[in-house]
Amino acid sequence: MSNSPTPAGHFSEFRGISAAGSDDIWAVGTKGKTISPASFIEHWNGSRWSVVATPAQRHTQNFPASVSAVTRNSALAVGRYQVRTPSYPLIERWDGDA
């Protein structure tokens, strides 16, 4: 297996991983600077890891904590996000396209 692509100049930390098959693995966590981390999601297609774009959320800190890959076209990530305080539930869904 190859190394995952870490964003240059940032830390990255995975919190959850799930596989729908040997060529369909999802990993979720955070990347960025310690003051304002953002969602970080990667996908393994059987030969390499790639970063998956996440929905832009303005003025928030996103903390995905777990992922469930159900099928090739269905994965759910859950966690929390913050706009200052308090925290709110975060749910992101992959539908095969976005």
PDB file of N, CA and C in Angstrom:
ATOM      1  N   MET A   1       0.849  -1.169   0.000  1.00  0.00           N
ATOM      2  CA  MET A   1       0.000   0.000   0.000  1.00  0.00           C
ATOM      3  C   MET A   1       0.898   1.237   0.000  1.00  0.00           C
ATOM      4  N   SER A   2       0.457   2.297  -0.608  1.00  0.00           N
ATOM      5  CA  SER A   2       1.243   3.534  -0.674  1.00  0.00           C
ATOM      6  C   SER A   2       0.914   4.451   0.498  1.00  0.00           C
ATOM      7  N   ASN A   3       1.773   5.435   0.706  1.00  0.00           N
ATOM      8  CA  ASN A   3       1.532   6.432   1.740  1.00  0.00           C
ATOM      9  C   ASN A   3       0.397   7.351   1.337  1.00  0.00           C
ATOM     10  N   SER A   4      -0.311   7.856   2.319  1.00  0.00           N
ATOM     11  CA  SER A   4      -1.379   8.806   2.014  1.00  0.00           C
ATOM     12  C   SER A   4      -0.760  10.175   1.765  1.00  0.00           C
ATOM     13  N   PRO A   5      -1.388  10.994   0.918  1.00  0.00           N
ATOM     14  CA  PRO A   5      -0.852  12.330   0.619  1.00  0.00           C
ATOM     15  C   PRO A   5      -1.146  13.310   1.753  1.00  0.00           C
ATOM     16  N   THR A   6      -0.126  13.751   2.455  1.00  0.00           N
ATOM     17  CA  THR A   6      -0.298  14.730   3.524  1.00  0.00           C
ATOM     18  C   THR A   6      -0.186  16.121   2.922  1.00  0.00           C
ATOM     19  N   PRO A   7      -1.121  17.009   3.212  1.00  0.00           N
ATOM     20  CA  PRO A   7      -1.050  18.371   2.678  1.00  0.00           C
ATOM     21  C   PRO A   7       0.233  19.063   3.136  1.00  0.00           C
ATOM     22  N   ALA A   8       0.936  19.688   2.228  1.00  0.00           N
ATOM     23  CA  ALA A   8       2.195  20.365   2.550  1.00  0.00           C
ATOM     24  C   ALA A   8       1.975  21.462   3.579  1.00  0.00           C
ATOM     25  N   GLY A   9       2.836  21.494   4.579  1.00  0.00           N
ATOM     26  CA  GLY A   9       2.768  22.548   5.582  1.00  0.00           C
ATOM     27  C   GLY A   9       1.674  22.383   6.609  1.00  0.00           C
ATOM     28  N   HIS A  10       1.019  21.241   6.631  1.00  0.00           N
ATOM     29  CA  HIS A  10      -0.085  21.010   7.559  1.00  0.00           C
ATOM     30  C   HIS A  10       0.114  19.689   8.282  1.00  0.00           C
ATOM     31  N   PHE A  11      -0.536  19.552   9.423  1.00  0.00           N
ATOM     32  CA  PHE A  11      -0.585  18.253  10.064  1.00  0.00           C
ATOM     33  C   PHE A  11      -1.816  17.537   9.523  1.00  0.00           C
ATOM     34  N   SER A  12      -1.844  16.242   9.644  1.00  0.00           N
ATOM     35  CA  SER A  12      -3.066  15.491   9.343  1.00  0.00           C
ATOM     36  C   SER A  12      -3.160  14.357  10.351  1.00  0.00           C
ATOM     37  N   GLU A  13      -4.404  14.046  10.733  1.00  0.00           N
ATOM     38  CA  GLU A  13      -4.653  13.024  11.737  1.00  0.00           C
ATOM     39  C   GLU A  13      -5.927  12.290  11.366  1.00  0.00           C
ATOM     40  N   PHE A  14      -5.835  10.976  11.204  1.00  0.00           N
ATOM     41  CA  PHE A  14      -7.019  10.186  10.908  1.00  0.00           C
ATOM     42  C   PHE A  14      -7.670   9.696  12.187  1.00  0.00           C
ATOM     43  N   ARG A  15      -9.004   9.710  12.190  1.00  0.00           N
ATOM     44  CA  ARG A  15      -9.791   9.269  13.340  1.00  0.00           C
ATOM     45  C   ARG A  15     -10.618   8.036  13.028  1.00  0.00           C
ATOM     46  N   GLY A  16     -10.931   7.816  11.742  1.00  0.00           N
ATOM     47  CA  GLY A  16     -11.772   6.684  11.384  1.00  0.00           C
ATOM     48  C   GLY A  16     -11.416   6.138  10.015  1.00  0.00           C
ATOM     49  N   ILE A  17     -11.643   4.843   9.822  1.00  0.00           N
ATOM     50  CA  ILE A  17     -11.396   4.198   8.539  1.00  0.00           C
ATOM     51  C   ILE A  17     -12.452   3.113   8.329  1.00  0.00           C
ATOM     52  N   SER A  18     -12.863   2.928   7.072  1.00  0.00           N
ATOM     53  CA  SER A  18     -13.858   1.903   6.748  1.00  0.00           C
ATOM     54  C   SER A  18     -13.644   1.457   5.310  1.00  0.00           C
ATOM     55  N   ALA A  19     -13.941   0.194   5.043  1.00  0.00           N
ATOM     56  CA  ALA A  19     -13.759  -0.358   3.704  1.00  0.00           C
ATOM     57  C   ALA A  19     -15.029  -1.052   3.230  1.00  0.00           C
ATOM     58  N   ALA A  20     -15.433  -0.751   1.992  1.00  0.00           N
ATOM     59  CA  ALA A  20     -16.524  -1.475   1.353  1.00  0.00           C
ATOM     60  C   ALA A  20     -15.940  -2.609   0.515  1.00  0.00           C
ATOM     61  N   GLY A  21     -14.619  -2.589   0.297  1.00  0.00           N
ATOM     62  CA  GLY A  21     -13.901  -3.605  -0.458  1.00  0.00           C
ATOM     63  C   GLY A  21     -12.421  -3.271  -0.448  1.00  0.00           C
ATOM     64  N   SER A  22     -11.595  -4.167  -0.990  1.00  0.00           N
ATOM     65  CA  SER A  22     -10.150  -3.937  -0.983  1.00  0.00           C
ATOM     66  C   SER A  22      -9.736  -2.764  -1.877  1.00  0.00           C
ATOM     67  N   ASP A  23     -10.629  -2.338  -2.757  1.00  0.00           N
ATOM     68  CA  ASP A  23     -10.333  -1.193  -3.625  1.00  0.00           C
ATOM     69  C   ASP A  23     -11.287  -0.019  -3.345  1.00  0.00           C
ATOM     70  N   ASP A  24     -11.836   0.020  -2.146  1.00  0.00           N
ATOM     71  CA  ASP A  24     -12.776   1.084  -1.778  1.00  0.00           C
ATOM     72  C   ASP A  24     -12.682   1.340  -0.270  1.00  0.00           C
ATOM     73  N   ILE A  25     -11.625   2.056   0.137  1.00  0.00           N
ATOM     74  CA  ILE A  25     -11.359   2.318   1.549  1.00  0.00           C
ATOM     75  C   ILE A  25     -11.400   3.824   1.789  1.00  0.00           C
ATOM     76  N   TRP A  26     -12.045   4.219   2.871  1.00  0.00           N
ATOM     77  CA  TRP A  26     -12.182   5.628   3.235  1.00  0.00           C
ATOM     78  C   TRP A  26     -11.511   5.878   4.578  1.00  0.00           C
ATOM     79  N   ALA A  27     -10.817   7.020   4.705  1.00  0.00           N
ATOM     80  CA  ALA A  27     -10.208   7.442   5.963  1.00  0.00           C
ATOM     81  C   ALA A  27     -10.606   8.894   6.205  1.00  0.00           C
ATOM     82  N   VAL A  28     -11.002   9.221   7.435  1.00  0.00           N
ATOM     83  CA  VAL A  28     -11.418  10.587   7.764  1.00  0.00           C
ATOM     84  C   VAL A  28     -10.675  11.090   8.985  1.00  0.00           C
ATOM     85  N   GLY A  29     -10.491  12.391   9.030  1.00  0.00           N
ATOM     86  CA  GLY A  29      -9.839  13.029  10.168  1.00  0.00           C
ATOM     87  C   GLY A  29      -9.772  14.522   9.957  1.00  0.00           C
ATOM     88  N   THR A  30      -8.685  15.114  10.448  1.00  0.00           N
ATOM     89  CA  THR A  30      -8.513  16.563  10.322  1.00  0.00           C
ATOM     90  C   THR A  30      -7.142  16.887   9.758  1.00  0.00           C
ATOM     91  N   LYS A  31      -7.047  18.064   9.166  1.00  0.00           N
ATOM     92  CA  LYS A  31      -5.781  18.593   8.658  1.00  0.00           C
ATOM     93  C   LYS A  31      -5.736  20.069   8.987  1.00  0.00           C
ATOM     94  N   GLY A  32      -4.605  20.650   8.864  1.00  0.00           N
ATOM     95  CA  GLY A  32      -4.493  22.088   9.028  1.00  0.00           C
ATOM     96  C   GLY A  32      -3.551  22.472  10.118  1.00  0.00           C
ATOM     97  N   LYS A  33      -3.809  23.624  10.649  1.00  0.00           N
ATOM     98  CA  LYS A  33      -3.024  24.130  11.759  1.00  0.00           C
ATOM     99  C   LYS A  33      -3.796  23.882  13.037  1.00  0.00           C
ATOM    100  N   THR A  34      -3.114  23.849  14.154  1.00  0.00           N
ATOM    101  CA  THR A  34      -3.774  23.501  15.412  1.00  0.00           C
ATOM    102  C   THR A  34      -4.882  24.469  15.791  1.00  0.00           C
ATOM    103  N   ILE A  35      -4.838  25.702  15.300  1.00  0.00           N
ATOM    104  CA  ILE A  35      -5.853  26.694  15.666  1.00  0.00           C
ATOM    105  C   ILE A  35      -7.152  26.486  14.890  1.00  0.00           C
ATOM    106  N   SER A  36      -7.075  26.114  13.616  1.00  0.00           N
ATOM    107  CA  SER A  36      -8.302  25.969  12.826  1.00  0.00           C
ATOM    108  C   SER A  36      -8.239  24.744  11.920  1.00  0.00           C
ATOM    109  N   PRO A  37      -8.395  23.553  12.486  1.00  0.00           N
ATOM    110  CA  PRO A  37      -8.369  22.345  11.667  1.00  0.00           C
ATOM    111  C   PRO A  37      -9.607  22.239  10.774  1.00  0.00           C
ATOM    112  N   ALA A  38      -9.479  21.477   9.697  1.00  0.00           N
ATOM    113  CA  ALA A  38     -10.575  21.270   8.750  1.00  0.00           C
ATOM    114  C   ALA A  38     -10.707  19.777   8.460  1.00  0.00           C
ATOM    115  N   SER A  39     -11.836  19.390   7.907  1.00  0.00           N
ATOM    116  CA  SER A  39     -12.057  17.997   7.511  1.00  0.00           C
ATOM    117  C   SER A  39     -10.961  17.543   6.556  1.00  0.00           C
ATOM    118  N   PHE A  40     -10.572  16.289   6.696  1.00  0.00           N
ATOM    119  CA  PHE A  40      -9.588  15.689   5.801  1.00  0.00           C
ATOM    120  C   PHE A  40     -10.073  14.281   5.490  1.00  0.00           C
ATOM    121  N   ILE A  41     -10.398  14.035   4.225  1.00  0.00           N
ATOM    122  CA  ILE A  41     -10.923  12.737   3.813  1.00  0.00           C
ATOM    123  C   ILE A  41     -10.085  12.214   2.655  1.00  0.00           C
ATOM    124  N   GLU A  42      -9.710  10.936   2.742  1.00  0.00           N
ATOM    125  CA  GLU A  42      -8.960  10.289   1.668  1.00  0.00           C
ATOM    126  C   GLU A  42      -9.652   8.995   1.262  1.00  0.00           C
ATOM    127  N   HIS A  43      -9.409   8.597   0.010  1.00  0.00           N
ATOM    128  CA  HIS A  43     -10.004   7.380  -0.537  1.00  0.00           C
ATOM    129  C   HIS A  43      -8.916   6.525  -1.184  1.00  0.00           C
ATOM    130  N   TRP A  44      -8.947   5.222  -0.923  1.00  0.00           N
ATOM    131  CA  TRP A  44      -8.043   4.247  -1.544  1.00  0.00           C
ATOM    132  C   TRP A  44      -8.814   3.524  -2.632  1.00  0.00           C
ATOM    133  N   ASN A  45      -8.288   3.567  -3.881  1.00  0.00           N
ATOM    134  CA  ASN A  45      -8.993   2.961  -5.011  1.00  0.00           C
ATOM    135  C   ASN A  45      -8.395   1.613  -5.428  1.00  0.00           C
ATOM    136  N   GLY A  46      -7.525   1.068  -4.602  1.00  0.00           N
ATOM    137  CA  GLY A  46      -6.892  -0.208  -4.927  1.00  0.00           C
ATOM    138  C   GLY A  46      -5.453  -0.052  -5.359  1.00  0.00           C
ATOM    139  N   SER A  47      -5.079   1.179  -5.761  1.00  0.00           N
ATOM    140  CA  SER A  47      -3.692   1.408  -6.164  1.00  0.00           C
ATOM    141  C   SER A  47      -3.072   2.655  -5.552  1.00  0.00           C
ATOM    142  N   ARG A  48      -3.908   3.622  -5.146  1.00  0.00           N
ATOM    143  CA  ARG A  48      -3.345   4.825  -4.529  1.00  0.00           C
ATOM    144  C   ARG A  48      -4.393   5.546  -3.695  1.00  0.00           C
ATOM    145  N   TRP A  49      -3.899   6.353  -2.736  1.00  0.00           N
ATOM    146  CA  TRP A  49      -4.747   7.225  -1.934  1.00  0.00           C
ATOM    147  C   TRP A  49      -4.936   8.543  -2.650  1.00  0.00           C
ATOM    148  N   SER A  50      -6.115   9.134  -2.540  1.00  0.00           N
ATOM    149  CA  SER A  50      -6.349  10.476  -3.077  1.00  0.00           C
ATOM    150  C   SER A  50      -7.177  11.273  -2.081  1.00  0.00           C
ATOM    151  N   VAL A  51      -6.921  12.571  -2.041  1.00  0.00           N
ATOM    152  CA  VAL A  51      -7.667  13.467  -1.165  1.00  0.00           C
ATOM    153  C   VAL A  51      -9.023  13.739  -1.800  1.00  0.00           C
ATOM    154  N   VAL A  52     -10.076  13.666  -1.016  1.00  0.00           N
ATOM    155  CA  VAL A  52     -11.439  13.915  -1.484  1.00  0.00           C
ATOM    156  C   VAL A  52     -11.875  15.288  -0.970  1.00  0.00           C
ATOM    157  N   ALA A  53     -12.351  16.121  -1.862  1.00  0.00           N
ATOM    158  CA  ALA A  53     -12.805  17.460  -1.474  1.00  0.00           C
ATOM    159  C   ALA A  53     -14.002  17.355  -0.536  1.00  0.00           C
ATOM    160  N   THR A  54     -14.013  18.224   0.466  1.00  0.00           N
ATOM    161  CA  THR A  54     -15.136  18.264   1.402  1.00  0.00           C
ATOM    162  C   THR A  54     -15.890  19.569   1.211  1.00  0.00           C
ATOM    163  N   PRO A  55     -17.158  19.606   1.592  1.00  0.00           N
ATOM    164  CA  PRO A  55     -17.918  20.845   1.449  1.00  0.00           C
ATOM    165  C   PRO A  55     -17.261  21.985   2.238  1.00  0.00           C
ATOM    166  N   ALA A  56     -17.180  23.143   1.629  1.00  0.00           N
ATOM    167  CA  ALA A  56     -16.608  24.313   2.301  1.00  0.00           C
ATOM    168  C   ALA A  56     -17.562  24.790   3.380  1.00  0.00           C
ATOM    169  N   GLN A  57     -17.025  25.047   4.549  1.00  0.00           N
ATOM    170  CA  GLN A  57     -17.835  25.590   5.630  1.00  0.00           C
ATOM    171  C   GLN A  57     -17.093  26.796   6.175  1.00  0.00           C
ATOM    172  N   ARG A  58     -17.703  27.930   6.121  1.00  0.00           N
ATOM    173  CA  ARG A  58     -17.072  29.176   6.506  1.00  0.00           C
ATOM    174  C   ARG A  58     -17.049  29.371   8.016  1.00  0.00           C
ATOM    175  N   HIS A  59     -15.918  29.812   8.526  1.00  0.00           N
ATOM    176  CA  HIS A  59     -15.774  30.141   9.940  1.00  0.00           C
ATOM    177  C   HIS A  59     -16.098  28.984  10.867  1.00  0.00           C
ATOM    178  N   THR A  60     -15.705  27.775  10.478  1.00  0.00           N
ATOM    179  CA  THR A  60     -15.964  26.619  11.339  1.00  0.00           C
ATOM    180  C   THR A  60     -14.701  25.795  11.502  1.00  0.00           C
ATOM    181  N   GLN A  61     -14.726  24.953  12.479  1.00  0.00           N
ATOM    182  CA  GLN A  61     -13.715  23.923  12.660  1.00  0.00           C
ATOM    183  C   GLN A  61     -14.438  22.593  12.556  1.00  0.00           C
ATOM    184  N   ASN A  62     -13.985  21.737  11.641  1.00  0.00           N
ATOM    185  CA  ASN A  62     -14.639  20.461  11.390  1.00  0.00           C
ATOM    186  C   ASN A  62     -13.814  19.322  11.971  1.00  0.00           C
ATOM    187  N   PHE A  63     -14.481  18.388  12.635  1.00  0.00           N
ATOM    188  CA  PHE A  63     -13.804  17.266  13.264  1.00  0.00           C
ATOM    189  C   PHE A  63     -14.521  15.960  12.923  1.00  0.00           C
ATOM    190  N   PRO A  64     -14.339  15.395  11.705  1.00  0.00           N
ATOM    191  CA  PRO A  64     -14.936  14.099  11.427  1.00  0.00           C
ATOM    192  C   PRO A  64     -14.248  13.039  12.292  1.00  0.00           C
ATOM    193  N   ALA A  65     -15.024  12.133  12.862  1.00  0.00           N
ATOM    194  CA  ALA A  65     -14.476  11.169  13.815  1.00  0.00           C
ATOM    195  C   ALA A  65     -14.638   9.719  13.371  1.00  0.00           C
ATOM    196  N   SER A  66     -15.591   9.465  12.479  1.00  0.00           N
ATOM    197  CA  SER A  66     -15.860   8.084  12.082  1.00  0.00           C
ATOM    198  C   SER A  66     -16.421   8.074  10.661  1.00  0.00           C
ATOM    199  N   VAL A  67     -16.223   6.957   9.972  1.00  0.00           N
ATOM    200  CA  VAL A  67     -16.745   6.811   8.621  1.00  0.00           C
ATOM    201  C   VAL A  67     -17.273   5.393   8.451  1.00  0.00           C
ATOM    202  N   SER A  68     -18.303   5.260   7.626  1.00  0.00           N
ATOM    203  CA  SER A  68     -18.847   3.948   7.290  1.00  0.00           C
ATOM    204  C   SER A  68     -19.014   3.867   5.780  1.00  0.00           C
ATOM    205  N   ALA A  69     -18.247   2.983   5.144  1.00  0.00           N
ATOM    206  CA  ALA A  69     -18.351   2.761   3.701  1.00  0.00           C
ATOM    207  C   ALA A  69     -19.311   1.602   3.489  1.00  0.00           C
ATOM    208  N   VAL A  70     -20.457   1.893   2.912  1.00  0.00           N
ATOM    209  CA  VAL A  70     -21.484   0.878   2.730  1.00  0.00           C
ATOM    210  C   VAL A  70     -21.313   0.181   1.388  1.00  0.00           C
ATOM    211  N   THR A  71     -21.251   0.964   0.323  1.00  0.00           N
ATOM    212  CA  THR A  71     -21.020   0.458  -1.033  1.00  0.00           C
ATOM    213  C   THR A  71     -20.082   1.433  -1.731  1.00  0.00           C
ATOM    214  N   ARG A  72     -19.718   1.127  -2.963  1.00  0.00           N
ATOM    215  CA  ARG A  72     -18.832   2.013  -3.737  1.00  0.00           C
ATOM    216  C   ARG A  72     -19.421   3.423  -3.875  1.00  0.00           C
ATOM    217  N   ASN A  73     -20.730   3.535  -3.892  1.00  0.00           N
ATOM    218  CA  ASN A  73     -21.379   4.832  -4.080  1.00  0.00           C
ATOM    219  C   ASN A  73     -22.056   5.357  -2.824  1.00  0.00           C
ATOM    220  N   SER A  74     -21.650   4.855  -1.659  1.00  0.00           N
ATOM    221  CA  SER A  74     -22.293   5.320  -0.444  1.00  0.00           C
ATOM    222  C   SER A  74     -21.348   5.191   0.752  1.00  0.00           C
ATOM    223  N   ALA A  75     -20.985   6.351   1.296  1.00  0.00           N
ATOM    224  CA  ALA A  75     -20.178   6.396   2.516  1.00  0.00           C
ATOM    225  C   ALA A  75     -20.660   7.579   3.351  1.00  0.00           C
ATOM    226  N   LEU A  76     -20.645   7.409   4.660  1.00  0.00           N
ATOM    227  CA  LEU A  76     -21.068   8.470   5.571  1.00  0.00           C
ATOM    228  C   LEU A  76     -19.956   8.731   6.580  1.00  0.00           C
ATOM    229  N   ALA A  77     -19.650  10.009   6.803  1.00  0.00           N
ATOM    230  CA  ALA A  77     -18.704  10.414   7.837  1.00  0.00           C
ATOM    231  C   ALA A  77     -19.467  11.237   8.865  1.00  0.00           C
ATOM    232  N   VAL A  78     -19.183  11.016  10.131  1.00  0.00           N
ATOM    233  CA  VAL A  78     -19.829  11.770  11.195  1.00  0.00           C
ATOM    234  C   VAL A  78     -18.775  12.326  12.144  1.00  0.00           C
ATOM    235  N   GLY A  79     -19.149  13.370  12.832  1.00  0.00           N
ATOM    236  CA  GLY A  79     -18.274  14.003  13.805  1.00  0.00           C
ATOM    237  C   GLY A  79     -18.946  15.248  14.348  1.00  0.00           C
ATOM    238  N   ARG A  80     -18.160  16.335  14.462  1.00  0.00           N
ATOM    239  CA  ARG A  80     -18.718  17.586  14.968  1.00  0.00           C
ATOM    240  C   ARG A  80     -18.051  18.759  14.271  1.00  0.00           C
ATOM    241  N   TYR A  81     -18.727  19.917  14.308  1.00  0.00           N
ATOM    242  CA  TYR A  81     -18.126  21.159  13.833  1.00  0.00           C
ATOM    243  C   TYR A  81     -18.436  22.259  14.830  1.00  0.00           C
ATOM    244  N   GLN A  82     -17.612  23.286  14.792  1.00  0.00           N
ATOM    245  CA  GLN A  82     -17.769  24.392  15.726  1.00  0.00           C
ATOM    246  C   GLN A  82     -17.799  25.714  14.987  1.00  0.00           C
ATOM    247  N   VAL A  83     -18.645  26.601  15.457  1.00  0.00           N
ATOM    248  CA  VAL A  83     -18.619  28.007  15.102  1.00  0.00           C
ATOM    249  C   VAL A  83     -18.459  28.697  16.453  1.00  0.00           C
ATOM    250  N   ARG A  84     -17.217  28.926  16.814  1.00  0.00           N
ATOM    251  CA  ARG A  84     -16.873  29.351  18.189  1.00  0.00           C
ATOM    252  C   ARG A  84     -17.314  28.254  19.138  1.00  0.00           C
ATOM    253  N   THR A  85     -18.304  28.476  19.977  1.00  0.00           N
ATOM    254  CA  THR A  85     -18.835  27.437  20.853  1.00  0.00           C
ATOM    255  C   THR A  85     -20.349  27.540  20.796  1.00  0.00           C
ATOM    256  N   PRO A  86     -21.111  26.563  20.870  1.00  0.00           N
ATOM    257  CA  PRO A  86     -20.799  25.165  21.137  1.00  0.00           C
ATOM    258  C   PRO A  86     -20.500  24.381  19.865  1.00  0.00           C
ATOM    259  N   SER A  87     -20.402  23.056  20.005  1.00  0.00           N
ATOM    260  CA  SER A  87     -20.219  22.158  18.861  1.00  0.00           C
ATOM    261  C   SER A  87     -21.574  21.695  18.346  1.00  0.00           C
ATOM    262  N   TYR A  88     -21.599  21.335  17.056  1.00  0.00           N
ATOM    263  CA  TYR A  88     -22.821  20.835  16.417  1.00  0.00           C
ATOM    264  C   TYR A  88     -22.496  19.538  15.679  1.00  0.00           C
ATOM    265  N   PRO A  89     -23.506  18.684  15.437  1.00  0.00           N
ATOM    266  CA  PRO A  89     -23.256  17.444  14.705  1.00  0.00           C
ATOM    267  C   PRO A  89     -22.803  17.729  13.267  1.00  0.00           C
ATOM    268  N   LEU A  90     -21.882  16.919  12.792  1.00  0.00           N
ATOM    269  CA  LEU A  90     -21.377  16.997  11.410  1.00  0.00           C
ATOM    270  C   LEU A  90     -21.659  15.675  10.739  1.00  0.00           C
ATOM    271  N   ILE A  91     -22.331  15.714   9.595  1.00  0.00           N
ATOM    272  CA  ILE A  91     -22.576  14.516   8.784  1.00  0.00           C
ATOM    273  C   ILE A  91     -22.222  14.864   7.347  1.00  0.00           C
ATOM    274  N   GLU A  92     -21.341  14.059   6.747  1.00  0.00           N
ATOM    275  CA  GLU A  92     -20.986  14.244   5.334  1.00  0.00           C
ATOM    276  C   GLU A  92     -21.259  12.930   4.634  1.00  0.00           C
ATOM    277  N   ARG A  93     -21.846  13.017   3.419  1.00  0.00           N
ATOM    278  CA  ARG A  93     -22.239  11.817   2.683  1.00  0.00           C
ATOM    279  C   ARG A  93     -21.590  11.808   1.308  1.00  0.00           C
ATOM    280  N   TRP A  94     -21.008  10.657   0.929  1.00  0.00           N
ATOM    281  CA  TRP A  94     -20.489  10.445  -0.419  1.00  0.00           C
ATOM    282  C   TRP A  94     -21.543   9.673  -1.187  1.00  0.00           C
ATOM    283  N   ASP A  95     -21.916  10.178  -2.378  1.00  0.00           N
ATOM    284  CA  ASP A  95     -22.958   9.522  -3.169  1.00  0.00           C
ATOM    285  C   ASP A  95     -22.413   8.939  -4.477  1.00  0.00           C
ATOM    286  N   GLY A  96     -21.098   8.837  -4.587  1.00  0.00           N
ATOM    287  CA  GLY A  96     -20.487   8.313  -5.792  1.00  0.00           C
ATOM    288  C   GLY A  96     -19.905   9.393  -6.665  1.00  0.00           C
ATOM    289  N   ASP A  97     -20.354  10.645  -6.485  1.00  0.00           N
ATOM    290  CA  ASP A  97     -19.866  11.779  -7.278  1.00  0.00           C
ATOM    291  C   ASP A  97     -19.242  12.855  -6.411  1.00  0.00           C
ATOM    292  N   ALA A  98     -19.869  13.163  -5.304  1.00  0.00           N
ATOM    293  CA  ALA A  98     -19.385  14.257  -4.436  1.00  0.00           C
ATOM    294  C   ALA A  98     -19.754  13.973  -2.993  1.00  0.00           C
TER     295      ALA A  98
END
